[in-house]
Amino acid sequence: SDGHAVLEFVQNMEYKFVELLVLPFKESPEYVIRQQISYRYNSLRSRMSVMQSRLQDVNALVKIKNPSLLMQLQRNSQLNANALGAMS
């Protein structure tokens, strides 16, 4: 366990194995891994924030145009959320 590894893609021919691709890997330092985790987490948080904002905008528009449809959508989303919660 020296921090190195190799990923090999090999094709099994009838009478021989053919190396298609060999990828050497080296273990990253812990601080790099932490940076990557933080970056990905913050990236997902910002995407979620944008999506929540879009959803609020759509809800506001539907509320103006068709309030009963909004109520039905909200009711269905609560039922789906409850069903997913019961599964876990």
PDB file of N, CA and C in Angstrom:
ATOM      1  N   SER A   1       0.841  -1.193   0.000  1.00  0.00           N
ATOM      2  CA  SER A   1       0.000   0.000   0.000  1.00  0.00           C
ATOM      3  C   SER A   1       0.881   1.249   0.000  1.00  0.00           C
ATOM      4  N   ASP A   2       1.518   1.505  -1.134  1.00  0.00           N
ATOM      5  CA  ASP A   2       2.413   2.660  -1.238  1.00  0.00           C
ATOM      6  C   ASP A   2       1.729   3.877  -1.843  1.00  0.00           C
ATOM      7  N   GLY A   3       0.407   3.830  -2.013  1.00  0.00           N
ATOM      8  CA  GLY A   3      -0.316   4.963  -2.572  1.00  0.00           C
ATOM      9  C   GLY A   3      -0.386   4.959  -4.081  1.00  0.00           C
ATOM     10  N   HIS A   4       0.046   3.885  -4.707  1.00  0.00           N
ATOM     11  CA  HIS A   4      -0.006   3.774  -6.165  1.00  0.00           C
ATOM     12  C   HIS A   4      -0.902   2.601  -6.559  1.00  0.00           C
ATOM     13  N   ALA A   5      -1.573   2.753  -7.712  1.00  0.00           N
ATOM     14  CA  ALA A   5      -2.435   1.680  -8.221  1.00  0.00           C
ATOM     15  C   ALA A   5      -2.487   1.798  -9.743  1.00  0.00           C
ATOM     16  N   VAL A   6      -2.923   0.736 -10.374  1.00  0.00           N
ATOM     17  CA  VAL A   6      -3.047   0.714 -11.828  1.00  0.00           C
ATOM     18  C   VAL A   6      -4.422   0.141 -12.174  1.00  0.00           C
ATOM     19  N   LEU A   7      -5.107   0.816 -13.092  1.00  0.00           N
ATOM     20  CA  LEU A   7      -6.380   0.326 -13.612  1.00  0.00           C
ATOM     21  C   LEU A   7      -6.132  -0.105 -15.049  1.00  0.00           C
ATOM     22  N   GLU A   8      -6.388  -1.375 -15.330  1.00  0.00           N
ATOM     23  CA  GLU A   8      -6.129  -1.915 -16.661  1.00  0.00           C
ATOM     24  C   GLU A   8      -7.434  -2.354 -17.316  1.00  0.00           C
ATOM     25  N   PHE A   9      -7.614  -1.935 -18.552  1.00  0.00           N
ATOM     26  CA  PHE A   9      -8.741  -2.401 -19.357  1.00  0.00           C
ATOM     27  C   PHE A   9      -8.181  -3.416 -20.345  1.00  0.00           C
ATOM     28  N   VAL A  10      -8.660  -4.640 -20.227  1.00  0.00           N
ATOM     29  CA  VAL A  10      -8.133  -5.740 -21.020  1.00  0.00           C
ATOM     30  C   VAL A  10      -9.282  -6.390 -21.785  1.00  0.00           C
ATOM     31  N   GLN A  11      -9.020  -6.703 -23.045  1.00  0.00           N
ATOM     32  CA  GLN A  11     -10.022  -7.401 -23.853  1.00  0.00           C
ATOM     33  C   GLN A  11      -9.588  -8.853 -24.005  1.00  0.00           C
ATOM     34  N   ASN A  12     -10.507  -9.752 -23.719  1.00  0.00           N
ATOM     35  CA  ASN A  12     -10.222 -11.189 -23.831  1.00  0.00           C
ATOM     36  C   ASN A  12     -10.528 -11.635 -25.255  1.00  0.00           C
ATOM     37  N   MET A  13      -9.450 -11.855 -26.033  1.00  0.00           N
ATOM     38  CA  MET A  13      -9.611 -12.392 -27.372  1.00  0.00           C
ATOM     39  C   MET A  13      -9.652 -13.912 -27.223  1.00  0.00           C
ATOM     40  N   GLU A  14      -9.856 -14.625 -28.288  1.00  0.00           N
ATOM     41  CA  GLU A  14      -9.960 -16.081 -28.169  1.00  0.00           C
ATOM     42  C   GLU A  14      -8.708 -16.716 -27.594  1.00  0.00           C
ATOM     43  N   TYR A  15      -7.546 -16.280 -28.064  1.00  0.00           N
ATOM     44  CA  TYR A  15      -6.313 -16.950 -27.670  1.00  0.00           C
ATOM     45  C   TYR A  15      -5.364 -16.074 -26.877  1.00  0.00           C
ATOM     46  N   LYS A  16      -5.726 -14.813 -26.649  1.00  0.00           N
ATOM     47  CA  LYS A  16      -4.829 -13.940 -25.896  1.00  0.00           C
ATOM     48  C   LYS A  16      -5.612 -12.776 -25.296  1.00  0.00           C
ATOM     49  N   PHE A  17      -4.999 -12.110 -24.335  1.00  0.00           N
ATOM     50  CA  PHE A  17      -5.552 -10.904 -23.733  1.00  0.00           C
ATOM     51  C   PHE A  17      -4.854  -9.698 -24.360  1.00  0.00           C
ATOM     52  N   VAL A  18      -5.634  -8.674 -24.696  1.00  0.00           N
ATOM     53  CA  VAL A  18      -5.073  -7.467 -25.295  1.00  0.00           C
ATOM     54  C   VAL A  18      -5.317  -6.311 -24.331  1.00  0.00           C
ATOM     55  N   GLU A  19      -4.236  -5.632 -23.931  1.00  0.00           N
ATOM     56  CA  GLU A  19      -4.368  -4.451 -23.075  1.00  0.00           C
ATOM     57  C   GLU A  19      -4.895  -3.303 -23.921  1.00  0.00           C
ATOM     58  N   LEU A  20      -6.053  -2.777 -23.550  1.00  0.00           N
ATOM     59  CA  LEU A  20      -6.639  -1.665 -24.284  1.00  0.00           C
ATOM     60  C   LEU A  20      -6.179  -0.331 -23.722  1.00  0.00           C
ATOM     61  N   LEU A  21      -6.098  -0.268 -22.381  1.00  0.00           N
ATOM     62  CA  LEU A  21      -5.749   0.991 -21.725  1.00  0.00           C
ATOM     63  C   LEU A  21      -5.207   0.682 -20.339  1.00  0.00           C
ATOM     64  N   VAL A  22      -4.122   1.349 -19.980  1.00  0.00           N
ATOM     65  CA  VAL A  22      -3.537   1.193 -18.647  1.00  0.00           C
ATOM     66  C   VAL A  22      -3.443   2.574 -18.025  1.00  0.00           C
ATOM     67  N   LEU A  23      -4.079   2.745 -16.857  1.00  0.00           N
ATOM     68  CA  LEU A  23      -4.094   4.038 -16.183  1.00  0.00           C
ATOM     69  C   LEU A  23      -3.419   3.936 -14.819  1.00  0.00           C
ATOM     70  N   PRO A  24      -2.268   4.574 -14.652  1.00  0.00           N
ATOM     71  CA  PRO A  24      -1.630   4.585 -13.334  1.00  0.00           C
ATOM     72  C   PRO A  24      -2.268   5.663 -12.446  1.00  0.00           C
ATOM     73  N   PHE A  25      -2.437   5.358 -11.167  1.00  0.00           N
ATOM     74  CA  PHE A  25      -3.005   6.294 -10.210  1.00  0.00           C
ATOM     75  C   PHE A  25      -2.057   6.483  -9.042  1.00  0.00           C
ATOM     76  N   LYS A  26      -2.112   7.685  -8.457  1.00  0.00           N
ATOM     77  CA  LYS A  26      -1.325   7.991  -7.278  1.00  0.00           C
ATOM     78  C   LYS A  26      -2.254   8.597  -6.230  1.00  0.00           C
ATOM     79  N   GLU A  27      -2.113   8.168  -5.003  1.00  0.00           N
ATOM     80  CA  GLU A  27      -2.968   8.670  -3.925  1.00  0.00           C
ATOM     81  C   GLU A  27      -2.762  10.170  -3.754  1.00  0.00           C
ATOM     82  N   SER A  28      -3.867  10.900  -3.619  1.00  0.00           N
ATOM     83  CA  SER A  28      -3.806  12.343  -3.405  1.00  0.00           C
ATOM     84  C   SER A  28      -3.634  12.641  -1.927  1.00  0.00           C
ATOM     85  N   PRO A  29      -2.985  13.750  -1.623  1.00  0.00           N
ATOM     86  CA  PRO A  29      -2.879  14.148  -0.216  1.00  0.00           C
ATOM     87  C   PRO A  29      -4.262  14.448   0.365  1.00  0.00           C
ATOM     88  N   GLU A  30      -4.379  14.306   1.670  1.00  0.00           N
ATOM     89  CA  GLU A  30      -5.673  14.482   2.324  1.00  0.00           C
ATOM     90  C   GLU A  30      -6.247  15.877   2.101  1.00  0.00           C
ATOM     91  N   TYR A  31      -5.404  16.914   2.102  1.00  0.00           N
ATOM     92  CA  TYR A  31      -5.917  18.271   1.922  1.00  0.00           C
ATOM     93  C   TYR A  31      -6.548  18.453   0.544  1.00  0.00           C
ATOM     94  N   VAL A  32      -6.015  17.775  -0.477  1.00  0.00           N
ATOM     95  CA  VAL A  32      -6.582  17.857  -1.827  1.00  0.00           C
ATOM     96  C   VAL A  32      -7.955  17.188  -1.845  1.00  0.00           C
ATOM     97  N   ILE A  33      -8.057  16.056  -1.182  1.00  0.00           N
ATOM     98  CA  ILE A  33      -9.343  15.348  -1.116  1.00  0.00           C
ATOM     99  C   ILE A  33     -10.375  16.209  -0.403  1.00  0.00           C
ATOM    100  N   ARG A  34      -9.969  16.841   0.690  1.00  0.00           N
ATOM    101  CA  ARG A  34     -10.899  17.720   1.434  1.00  0.00           C
ATOM    102  C   ARG A  34     -11.335  18.901   0.573  1.00  0.00           C
ATOM    103  N   GLN A  35     -10.398  19.472  -0.199  1.00  0.00           N
ATOM    104  CA  GLN A  35     -10.750  20.576  -1.097  1.00  0.00           C
ATOM    105  C   GLN A  35     -11.770  20.133  -2.135  1.00  0.00           C
ATOM    106  N   GLN A  36     -11.573  18.960  -2.704  1.00  0.00           N
ATOM    107  CA  GLN A  36     -12.497  18.441  -3.709  1.00  0.00           C
ATOM    108  C   GLN A  36     -13.879  18.204  -3.123  1.00  0.00           C
ATOM    109  N   ILE A  37     -13.918  17.628  -1.925  1.00  0.00           N
ATOM    110  CA  ILE A  37     -15.201  17.377  -1.266  1.00  0.00           C
ATOM    111  C   ILE A  37     -15.920  18.697  -0.999  1.00  0.00           C
ATOM    112  N   SER A  38     -15.199  19.680  -0.479  1.00  0.00           N
ATOM    113  CA  SER A  38     -15.799  20.989  -0.192  1.00  0.00           C
ATOM    114  C   SER A  38     -16.309  21.646  -1.470  1.00  0.00           C
ATOM    115  N   TYR A  39     -15.492  21.592  -2.521  1.00  0.00           N
ATOM    116  CA  TYR A  39     -15.904  22.199  -3.784  1.00  0.00           C
ATOM    117  C   TYR A  39     -17.177  21.554  -4.317  1.00  0.00           C
ATOM    118  N   ARG A  40     -17.213  20.230  -4.336  1.00  0.00           N
ATOM    119  CA  ARG A  40     -18.384  19.526  -4.873  1.00  0.00           C
ATOM    120  C   ARG A  40     -19.620  19.774  -4.020  1.00  0.00           C
ATOM    121  N   TYR A  41     -19.438  19.769  -2.706  1.00  0.00           N
ATOM    122  CA  TYR A  41     -20.570  20.019  -1.802  1.00  0.00           C
ATOM    123  C   TYR A  41     -21.115  21.431  -2.026  1.00  0.00           C
ATOM    124  N   ASN A  42     -20.229  22.423  -2.069  1.00  0.00           N
ATOM    125  CA  ASN A  42     -20.676  23.806  -2.268  1.00  0.00           C
ATOM    126  C   ASN A  42     -21.290  24.002  -3.644  1.00  0.00           C
ATOM    127  N   SER A  43     -20.760  23.309  -4.639  1.00  0.00           N
ATOM    128  CA  SER A  43     -21.325  23.386  -5.984  1.00  0.00           C
ATOM    129  C   SER A  43     -22.751  22.841  -6.004  1.00  0.00           C
ATOM    130  N   LEU A  44     -22.967  21.698  -5.351  1.00  0.00           N
ATOM    131  CA  LEU A  44     -24.311  21.125  -5.289  1.00  0.00           C
ATOM    132  C   LEU A  44     -25.264  22.016  -4.498  1.00  0.00           C
ATOM    133  N   ARG A  45     -24.767  22.604  -3.425  1.00  0.00           N
ATOM    134  CA  ARG A  45     -25.603  23.518  -2.633  1.00  0.00           C
ATOM    135  C   ARG A  45     -26.056  24.708  -3.464  1.00  0.00           C
ATOM    136  N   SER A  46     -25.142  25.271  -4.253  1.00  0.00           N
ATOM    137  CA  SER A  46     -25.518  26.428  -5.067  1.00  0.00           C
ATOM    138  C   SER A  46     -26.494  26.019  -6.171  1.00  0.00           C
ATOM    139  N   ARG A  47     -26.296  24.827  -6.775  1.00  0.00           N
ATOM    140  CA  ARG A  47     -27.249  24.346  -7.784  1.00  0.00           C
ATOM    141  C   ARG A  47     -28.628  24.134  -7.166  1.00  0.00           C
ATOM    142  N   MET A  48     -28.651  23.574  -5.955  1.00  0.00           N
ATOM    143  CA  MET A  48     -29.918  23.352  -5.270  1.00  0.00           C
ATOM    144  C   MET A  48     -30.607  24.683  -4.984  1.00  0.00           C
ATOM    145  N   SER A  49     -29.838  25.685  -4.595  1.00  0.00           N
ATOM    146  CA  SER A  49     -30.399  26.999  -4.322  1.00  0.00           C
ATOM    147  C   SER A  49     -31.026  27.600  -5.583  1.00  0.00           C
ATOM    148  N   VAL A  50     -30.334  27.452  -6.715  1.00  0.00           N
ATOM    149  CA  VAL A  50     -30.870  27.963  -7.982  1.00  0.00           C
ATOM    150  C   VAL A  50     -32.163  27.224  -8.337  1.00  0.00           C
ATOM    151  N   MET A  51     -32.167  25.903  -8.160  1.00  0.00           N
ATOM    152  CA  MET A  51     -33.364  25.114  -8.477  1.00  0.00           C
ATOM    153  C   MET A  51     -34.530  25.478  -7.559  1.00  0.00           C
ATOM    154  N   GLN A  52     -34.242  25.698  -6.276  1.00  0.00           N
ATOM    155  CA  GLN A  52     -35.308  26.087  -5.358  1.00  0.00           C
ATOM    156  C   GLN A  52     -35.882  27.437  -5.740  1.00  0.00           C
ATOM    157  N   SER A  53     -35.020  28.339  -6.174  1.00  0.00           N
ATOM    158  CA  SER A  53     -35.474  29.652  -6.611  1.00  0.00           C
ATOM    159  C   SER A  53     -36.358  29.528  -7.851  1.00  0.00           C
ATOM    160  N   ARG A  54     -35.942  28.698  -8.794  1.00  0.00           N
ATOM    161  CA  ARG A  54     -36.758  28.472  -9.998  1.00  0.00           C
ATOM    162  C   ARG A  54     -38.112  27.877  -9.631  1.00  0.00           C
ATOM    163  N   LEU A  55     -38.097  26.912  -8.707  1.00  0.00           N
ATOM    164  CA  LEU A  55     -39.344  26.283  -8.282  1.00  0.00           C
ATOM    165  C   LEU A  55     -40.278  27.304  -7.635  1.00  0.00           C
ATOM    166  N   GLN A  56     -39.719  28.188  -6.828  1.00  0.00           N
ATOM    167  CA  GLN A  56     -40.549  29.233  -6.210  1.00  0.00           C
ATOM    168  C   GLN A  56     -41.139  30.156  -7.274  1.00  0.00           C
ATOM    169  N   ASP A  57     -40.345  30.478  -8.291  1.00  0.00           N
ATOM    170  CA  ASP A  57     -40.841  31.328  -9.376  1.00  0.00           C
ATOM    171  C   ASP A  57     -41.982  30.641 -10.126  1.00  0.00           C
ATOM    172  N   VAL A  58     -41.810  29.360 -10.423  1.00  0.00           N
ATOM    173  CA  VAL A  58     -42.855  28.605 -11.123  1.00  0.00           C
ATOM    174  C   VAL A  58     -44.100  28.502 -10.244  1.00  0.00           C
ATOM    175  N   ASN A  59     -43.907  28.223  -8.966  1.00  0.00           N
ATOM    176  CA  ASN A  59     -45.050  28.150  -8.048  1.00  0.00           C
ATOM    177  C   ASN A  59     -45.805  29.471  -8.003  1.00  0.00           C
ATOM    178  N   ALA A  60     -45.079  30.581  -7.977  1.00  0.00           N
ATOM    179  CA  ALA A  60     -45.725  31.897  -7.950  1.00  0.00           C
ATOM    180  C   ALA A  60     -46.527  32.120  -9.225  1.00  0.00           C
ATOM    181  N   LEU A  61     -45.975  31.721 -10.353  1.00  0.00           N
ATOM    182  CA  LEU A  61     -46.675  31.886 -11.627  1.00  0.00           C
ATOM    183  C   LEU A  61     -47.922  31.007 -11.685  1.00  0.00           C
ATOM    184  N   VAL A  62     -47.790  29.754 -11.262  1.00  0.00           N
ATOM    185  CA  VAL A  62     -48.935  28.839 -11.273  1.00  0.00           C
ATOM    186  C   VAL A  62     -50.001  29.318 -10.289  1.00  0.00           C
ATOM    187  N   LYS A  63     -49.562  29.864  -9.168  1.00  0.00           N
ATOM    188  CA  LYS A  63     -50.514  30.368  -8.172  1.00  0.00           C
ATOM    189  C   LYS A  63     -51.370  31.486  -8.755  1.00  0.00           C
ATOM    190  N   ILE A  64     -50.756  32.311  -9.592  1.00  0.00           N
ATOM    191  CA  ILE A  64     -51.498  33.408 -10.229  1.00  0.00           C
ATOM    192  C   ILE A  64     -52.413  32.870 -11.319  1.00  0.00           C
ATOM    193  N   LYS A  65     -51.892  31.978 -12.161  1.00  0.00           N
ATOM    194  CA  LYS A  65     -52.630  31.503 -13.329  1.00  0.00           C
ATOM    195  C   LYS A  65     -53.662  30.424 -13.001  1.00  0.00           C
ATOM    196  N   ASN A  66     -53.301  29.513 -12.066  1.00  0.00           N
ATOM    197  CA  ASN A  66     -54.193  28.392 -11.792  1.00  0.00           C
ATOM    198  C   ASN A  66     -53.972  27.896 -10.355  1.00  0.00           C
ATOM    199  N   PRO A  67     -54.558  28.578  -9.367  1.00  0.00           N
ATOM    200  CA  PRO A  67     -54.318  28.243  -7.960  1.00  0.00           C
ATOM    201  C   PRO A  67     -54.714  26.810  -7.596  1.00  0.00           C
ATOM    202  N   SER A  68     -55.757  26.283  -8.183  1.00  0.00           N
ATOM    203  CA  SER A  68     -56.167  24.922  -7.840  1.00  0.00           C
ATOM    204  C   SER A  68     -55.137  23.899  -8.317  1.00  0.00           C
ATOM    205  N   LEU A  69     -54.498  24.167  -9.459  1.00  0.00           N
ATOM    206  CA  LEU A  69     -53.445  23.289  -9.945  1.00  0.00           C
ATOM    207  C   LEU A  69     -52.257  23.295  -8.980  1.00  0.00           C
ATOM    208  N   LEU A  70     -51.908  24.469  -8.469  1.00  0.00           N
ATOM    209  CA  LEU A  70     -50.812  24.566  -7.509  1.00  0.00           C
ATOM    210  C   LEU A  70     -51.115  23.747  -6.262  1.00  0.00           C
ATOM    211  N   MET A  71     -52.334  23.846  -5.768  1.00  0.00           N
ATOM    212  CA  MET A  71     -52.708  23.085  -4.574  1.00  0.00           C
ATOM    213  C   MET A  71     -52.593  21.585  -4.845  1.00  0.00           C
ATOM    214  N   GLN A  72     -53.040  21.154  -6.008  1.00  0.00           N
ATOM    215  CA  GLN A  72     -52.974  19.739  -6.366  1.00  0.00           C
ATOM    216  C   GLN A  72     -51.519  19.276  -6.485  1.00  0.00           C
ATOM    217  N   LEU A  73     -50.660  20.087  -7.110  1.00  0.00           N
ATOM    218  CA  LEU A  73     -49.241  19.740  -7.237  1.00  0.00           C
ATOM    219  C   LEU A  73     -48.572  19.649  -5.870  1.00  0.00           C
ATOM    220  N   GLN A  74     -48.886  20.597  -4.993  1.00  0.00           N
ATOM    221  CA  GLN A  74     -48.294  20.579  -3.659  1.00  0.00           C
ATOM    222  C   GLN A  74     -48.764  19.366  -2.870  1.00  0.00           C
ATOM    223  N   ARG A  75     -50.025  19.024  -3.008  1.00  0.00           N
ATOM    224  CA  ARG A  75     -50.569  17.860  -2.313  1.00  0.00           C
ATOM    225  C   ARG A  75     -49.877  16.584  -2.801  1.00  0.00           C
ATOM    226  N   ASN A  76     -49.706  16.458  -4.134  1.00  0.00           N
ATOM    227  CA  ASN A  76     -49.046  15.284  -4.704  1.00  0.00           C
ATOM    228  C   ASN A  76     -47.578  15.202  -4.291  1.00  0.00           C
ATOM    229  N   SER A  77     -46.907  16.347  -4.231  1.00  0.00           N
ATOM    230  CA  SER A  77     -45.492  16.314  -3.840  1.00  0.00           C
ATOM    231  C   SER A  77     -45.351  15.923  -2.373  1.00  0.00           C
ATOM    232  N   GLN A  78     -46.287  16.316  -1.530  1.00  0.00           N
ATOM    233  CA  GLN A  78     -46.246  15.907  -0.121  1.00  0.00           C
ATOM    234  C   GLN A  78     -46.491  14.407   0.003  1.00  0.00           C
ATOM    235  N   LEU A  79     -47.428  13.890  -0.794  1.00  0.00           N
ATOM    236  CA  LEU A  79     -47.688  12.447  -0.759  1.00  0.00           C
ATOM    237  C   LEU A  79     -46.451  11.670  -1.217  1.00  0.00           C
ATOM    238  N   ASN A  80     -45.803  12.152  -2.260  1.00  0.00           N
ATOM    239  CA  ASN A  80     -44.591  11.488  -2.756  1.00  0.00           C
ATOM    240  C   ASN A  80     -43.472  11.539  -1.724  1.00  0.00           C
ATOM    241  N   ALA A  81     -43.319  12.696  -1.075  1.00  0.00           N
ATOM    242  CA  ALA A  81     -42.287  12.836  -0.049  1.00  0.00           C
ATOM    243  C   ALA A  81     -42.559  11.888   1.122  1.00  0.00           C
ATOM    244  N   ASN A  82     -43.820  11.767   1.505  1.00  0.00           N
ATOM    245  CA  ASN A  82     -44.175  10.853   2.600  1.00  0.00           C
ATOM    246  C   ASN A  82     -43.914   9.401   2.200  1.00  0.00           C
ATOM    247  N   ALA A  83     -44.210   9.062   0.963  1.00  0.00           N
ATOM    248  CA  ALA A  83     -43.985   7.693   0.493  1.00  0.00           C
ATOM    249  C   ALA A  83     -42.483   7.390   0.456  1.00  0.00           C
ATOM    250  N   LEU A  84     -41.672   8.338   0.022  1.00  0.00           N
ATOM    251  CA  LEU A  84     -40.228   8.130   0.000  1.00  0.00           C
ATOM    252  C   LEU A  84     -39.664   8.022   1.405  1.00  0.00           C
ATOM    253  N   GLY A  85     -40.226   8.802   2.332  1.00  0.00           N
ATOM    254  CA  GLY A  85     -39.781   8.733   3.717  1.00  0.00           C
ATOM    255  C   GLY A  85     -40.104   7.415   4.352  1.00  0.00           C
ATOM    256  N   ALA A  86     -41.229   6.819   3.978  1.00  0.00           N
ATOM    257  CA  ALA A  86     -41.638   5.533   4.532  1.00  0.00           C
ATOM    258  C   ALA A  86     -40.762   4.408   3.987  1.00  0.00           C
ATOM    259  N   MET A  87     -40.188   4.593   2.786  1.00  0.00           N
ATOM    260  CA  MET A  87     -39.365   3.549   2.183  1.00  0.00           C
ATOM    261  C   MET A  87     -37.991   3.459   2.830  1.00  0.00           C
ATOM    262  N   SER A  88     -37.493   4.577   3.383  1.00  0.00           N
ATOM    263  CA  SER A  88     -36.128   4.549   3.941  1.00  0.00           C
ATOM    264  C   SER A  88     -36.097   4.182   5.393  1.00  0.00           C
TER     265      SER A  88
END
